[in-house]
Every structure is written in structure tokens, then in C-alpha cells.
Amino acid sequence: MAKSFPHSFEVCKCKHVTLGEIIYAIKEKGAKTVEDIGEITDAGTCCRCCKSADEDFGSEKMELYIDDIIKKFVK
């Protein structure tokens, strides 16, 4: 994640889940995987494009993926 994103940045457009909600799920709820994030926030449970670049089938690629966020925050 070279670019800095505000906590209000919408990572999952289908379910309207923000970066802040995903970070909260990681730091406060113990999420460690993309599946954990989906269970806690619903992010990545609809079209799944926001889960990873490999799963993004859209013509316009996402700016930020859930797996990138996990890599940054889960040690």
C-alpha cells in the first residue's frame, strides 16, 4: 500500500465497507484472514472483487484490496 487512504475510503463497494471498518475488524475483533473480514464486516462477500487482485474481474481494477490491508496490519 504505497498510497495513503483515509479511514472513510470504501474498500468494498457492494457492501459499502470502509477501510476503517476493516482495520477495526483486524485490531479489535481479531480478524486475520479475508474470510474473517467477510464474516465480521460483509466485505468481499458479494462480487468478491475487493478480496484480492487475482479475484478482481472488473475492467477497472480496485485501488485497495482486503488481502493488502491484512498483509499490512496482521503480523
N, C-alpha and C. Protein backbone atom coordinates (compact mmCIF):
# COMPACT_ATOMS: atom_id res chain seq x y z
N MET A 1 0.85 -1.18 0.00
CA MET A 1 0.00 0.00 0.00
C MET A 1 0.89 1.24 0.00
N ALA A 2 1.27 1.66 -1.15
CA ALA A 2 2.14 2.83 -1.25
C ALA A 2 1.35 4.11 -1.01
N LYS A 3 0.12 4.12 -1.46
CA LYS A 3 -0.73 5.30 -1.31
C LYS A 3 -1.38 5.30 0.07
N SER A 4 -1.58 6.48 0.60
CA SER A 4 -2.27 6.61 1.89
C SER A 4 -3.76 6.81 1.65
N PHE A 5 -4.57 6.03 2.32
CA PHE A 5 -6.02 6.10 2.16
C PHE A 5 -6.66 6.55 3.48
N PRO A 6 -7.70 7.38 3.42
CA PRO A 6 -8.40 7.77 4.65
C PRO A 6 -9.24 6.59 5.16
N HIS A 7 -9.53 6.58 6.42
CA HIS A 7 -10.35 5.50 7.00
C HIS A 7 -11.75 5.45 6.38
N SER A 8 -12.18 6.54 5.78
CA SER A 8 -13.50 6.58 5.14
C SER A 8 -13.49 6.01 3.72
N PHE A 9 -12.32 5.60 3.22
CA PHE A 9 -12.22 5.05 1.87
C PHE A 9 -13.01 3.75 1.79
N GLU A 10 -13.89 3.66 0.79
CA GLU A 10 -14.74 2.48 0.62
C GLU A 10 -13.98 1.38 -0.11
N VAL A 11 -13.63 0.34 0.61
CA VAL A 11 -12.88 -0.79 0.04
C VAL A 11 -13.84 -1.72 -0.69
N CYS A 12 -14.94 -2.07 -0.06
CA CYS A 12 -15.95 -2.95 -0.66
C CYS A 12 -17.13 -2.10 -1.11
N LYS A 13 -17.24 -1.93 -2.41
CA LYS A 13 -18.30 -1.07 -2.94
C LYS A 13 -19.67 -1.74 -2.88
N CYS A 14 -19.71 -3.06 -2.99
CA CYS A 14 -21.00 -3.77 -2.94
C CYS A 14 -21.67 -3.63 -1.58
N LYS A 15 -20.89 -3.78 -0.53
CA LYS A 15 -21.43 -3.76 0.84
C LYS A 15 -21.12 -2.46 1.57
N HIS A 16 -20.46 -1.52 0.88
CA HIS A 16 -20.14 -0.19 1.44
C HIS A 16 -19.33 -0.28 2.73
N VAL A 17 -18.27 -1.11 2.69
CA VAL A 17 -17.41 -1.29 3.86
C VAL A 17 -16.15 -0.44 3.68
N THR A 18 -15.84 0.33 4.70
CA THR A 18 -14.71 1.25 4.62
C THR A 18 -13.42 0.63 5.16
N LEU A 19 -12.32 1.28 4.84
CA LEU A 19 -11.02 0.88 5.35
C LEU A 19 -11.03 0.89 6.87
N GLY A 20 -11.62 1.90 7.47
CA GLY A 20 -11.70 2.00 8.92
C GLY A 20 -12.41 0.81 9.54
N GLU A 21 -13.49 0.35 8.92
CA GLU A 21 -14.22 -0.81 9.43
C GLU A 21 -13.37 -2.08 9.34
N ILE A 22 -12.59 -2.19 8.28
CA ILE A 22 -11.73 -3.36 8.12
C ILE A 22 -10.60 -3.33 9.14
N ILE A 23 -10.00 -2.17 9.33
CA ILE A 23 -8.94 -2.04 10.33
C ILE A 23 -9.48 -2.35 11.73
N TYR A 24 -10.69 -1.88 12.03
CA TYR A 24 -11.32 -2.17 13.32
C TYR A 24 -11.51 -3.68 13.48
N ALA A 25 -11.96 -4.35 12.41
CA ALA A 25 -12.16 -5.80 12.47
C ALA A 25 -10.85 -6.52 12.76
N ILE A 26 -9.76 -6.01 12.22
CA ILE A 26 -8.45 -6.62 12.45
C ILE A 26 -7.96 -6.33 13.86
N LYS A 27 -7.95 -5.07 14.23
CA LYS A 27 -7.36 -4.67 15.51
C LYS A 27 -8.22 -5.00 16.72
N GLU A 28 -9.51 -4.85 16.60
CA GLU A 28 -10.40 -5.02 17.76
C GLU A 28 -11.15 -6.35 17.79
N LYS A 29 -11.40 -6.93 16.64
CA LYS A 29 -12.18 -8.17 16.58
C LYS A 29 -11.33 -9.39 16.26
N GLY A 30 -10.02 -9.18 16.00
CA GLY A 30 -9.11 -10.30 15.80
C GLY A 30 -9.12 -10.93 14.43
N ALA A 31 -9.66 -10.26 13.42
CA ALA A 31 -9.67 -10.81 12.07
C ALA A 31 -8.24 -11.00 11.57
N LYS A 32 -7.98 -12.15 10.96
CA LYS A 32 -6.64 -12.46 10.46
C LYS A 32 -6.65 -12.87 8.99
N THR A 33 -7.83 -13.15 8.45
CA THR A 33 -7.94 -13.61 7.06
C THR A 33 -9.02 -12.82 6.34
N VAL A 34 -9.02 -12.95 5.01
CA VAL A 34 -10.06 -12.32 4.20
C VAL A 34 -11.43 -12.87 4.61
N GLU A 35 -11.48 -14.15 4.92
CA GLU A 35 -12.74 -14.77 5.34
C GLU A 35 -13.22 -14.19 6.66
N ASP A 36 -12.29 -13.96 7.60
CA ASP A 36 -12.65 -13.33 8.88
C ASP A 36 -13.25 -11.94 8.63
N ILE A 37 -12.62 -11.18 7.75
CA ILE A 37 -13.12 -9.84 7.43
C ILE A 37 -14.53 -9.93 6.87
N GLY A 38 -14.77 -10.89 6.01
CA GLY A 38 -16.10 -11.09 5.43
C GLY A 38 -17.15 -11.43 6.47
N GLU A 39 -16.77 -12.28 7.43
CA GLU A 39 -17.71 -12.67 8.48
C GLU A 39 -18.05 -11.49 9.39
N ILE A 40 -17.07 -10.66 9.67
CA ILE A 40 -17.28 -9.54 10.60
C ILE A 40 -17.92 -8.33 9.93
N THR A 41 -17.51 -8.03 8.69
CA THR A 41 -17.96 -6.78 8.05
C THR A 41 -18.83 -6.98 6.82
N ASP A 42 -18.89 -8.17 6.27
CA ASP A 42 -19.55 -8.49 5.00
C ASP A 42 -18.73 -8.09 3.78
N ALA A 43 -17.58 -7.47 3.97
CA ALA A 43 -16.73 -7.08 2.83
C ALA A 43 -16.26 -8.32 2.09
N GLY A 44 -16.30 -8.26 0.77
CA GLY A 44 -15.83 -9.36 -0.05
C GLY A 44 -16.78 -10.52 -0.18
N THR A 45 -18.02 -10.35 0.25
CA THR A 45 -18.98 -11.47 0.22
C THR A 45 -19.96 -11.39 -0.94
N CYS A 46 -19.88 -10.35 -1.74
CA CYS A 46 -20.82 -10.22 -2.85
C CYS A 46 -20.11 -10.58 -4.17
N CYS A 47 -19.53 -9.62 -4.85
CA CYS A 47 -18.85 -9.92 -6.12
C CYS A 47 -17.43 -10.42 -5.91
N ARG A 48 -16.85 -10.16 -4.76
CA ARG A 48 -15.53 -10.63 -4.34
C ARG A 48 -14.36 -9.93 -5.03
N CYS A 49 -14.60 -8.90 -5.82
CA CYS A 49 -13.51 -8.18 -6.50
C CYS A 49 -12.57 -7.51 -5.51
N CYS A 50 -13.05 -7.13 -4.35
CA CYS A 50 -12.22 -6.40 -3.38
C CYS A 50 -11.34 -7.31 -2.55
N LYS A 51 -11.49 -8.62 -2.68
CA LYS A 51 -10.70 -9.55 -1.86
C LYS A 51 -9.22 -9.53 -2.24
N SER A 52 -8.91 -9.59 -3.54
CA SER A 52 -7.52 -9.59 -4.00
C SER A 52 -7.47 -9.23 -5.47
N ALA A 53 -6.30 -8.85 -5.93
CA ALA A 53 -6.13 -8.51 -7.34
C ALA A 53 -6.42 -9.72 -8.23
N ASP A 54 -6.12 -10.91 -7.74
CA ASP A 54 -6.37 -12.14 -8.50
C ASP A 54 -7.86 -12.39 -8.72
N GLU A 55 -8.69 -11.95 -7.77
CA GLU A 55 -10.13 -12.19 -7.87
C GLU A 55 -10.88 -11.02 -8.50
N ASP A 56 -10.18 -9.94 -8.81
CA ASP A 56 -10.80 -8.75 -9.39
C ASP A 56 -10.99 -8.95 -10.89
N PHE A 57 -12.23 -9.17 -11.30
CA PHE A 57 -12.53 -9.40 -12.71
C PHE A 57 -13.04 -8.15 -13.41
N GLY A 58 -13.13 -7.04 -12.69
CA GLY A 58 -13.66 -5.81 -13.26
C GLY A 58 -12.72 -5.18 -14.27
N SER A 59 -13.28 -4.37 -15.16
CA SER A 59 -12.45 -3.70 -16.17
C SER A 59 -11.59 -2.61 -15.53
N GLU A 60 -12.10 -1.99 -14.48
CA GLU A 60 -11.33 -1.02 -13.72
C GLU A 60 -10.91 -1.68 -12.41
N LYS A 61 -9.62 -1.84 -12.23
CA LYS A 61 -9.12 -2.52 -11.04
C LYS A 61 -9.33 -1.65 -9.79
N MET A 62 -9.50 -2.32 -8.67
CA MET A 62 -9.68 -1.63 -7.38
C MET A 62 -8.38 -0.95 -6.99
N GLU A 63 -8.46 0.07 -6.16
CA GLU A 63 -7.27 0.75 -5.68
C GLU A 63 -6.66 0.06 -4.47
N LEU A 64 -7.49 -0.66 -3.72
CA LEU A 64 -7.06 -1.27 -2.48
C LEU A 64 -7.83 -2.57 -2.28
N TYR A 65 -7.10 -3.63 -1.91
CA TYR A 65 -7.71 -4.94 -1.72
C TYR A 65 -7.61 -5.37 -0.25
N ILE A 66 -8.58 -6.18 0.17
CA ILE A 66 -8.61 -6.65 1.55
C ILE A 66 -7.33 -7.40 1.90
N ASP A 67 -6.84 -8.25 0.99
CA ASP A 67 -5.63 -9.01 1.32
C ASP A 67 -4.42 -8.10 1.51
N ASP A 68 -4.37 -6.96 0.83
CA ASP A 68 -3.28 -5.99 1.04
C ASP A 68 -3.38 -5.36 2.42
N ILE A 69 -4.58 -5.08 2.86
CA ILE A 69 -4.80 -4.49 4.18
C ILE A 69 -4.37 -5.48 5.26
N ILE A 70 -4.74 -6.73 5.09
CA ILE A 70 -4.36 -7.77 6.05
C ILE A 70 -2.84 -7.90 6.12
N LYS A 71 -2.18 -7.90 4.98
CA LYS A 71 -0.72 -8.00 4.96
C LYS A 71 -0.06 -6.87 5.73
N LYS A 72 -0.67 -5.70 5.69
CA LYS A 72 -0.09 -4.53 6.37
C LYS A 72 -0.34 -4.59 7.89
N PHE A 73 -1.51 -5.04 8.32
CA PHE A 73 -1.89 -4.95 9.72
C PHE A 73 -1.77 -6.24 10.53
N VAL A 74 -1.81 -7.39 9.89
CA VAL A 74 -1.73 -8.66 10.62
C VAL A 74 -0.28 -9.14 10.58
N LYS A 75 0.30 -9.26 11.75
CA LYS A 75 1.71 -9.69 11.84
C LYS A 75 1.79 -11.10 12.36
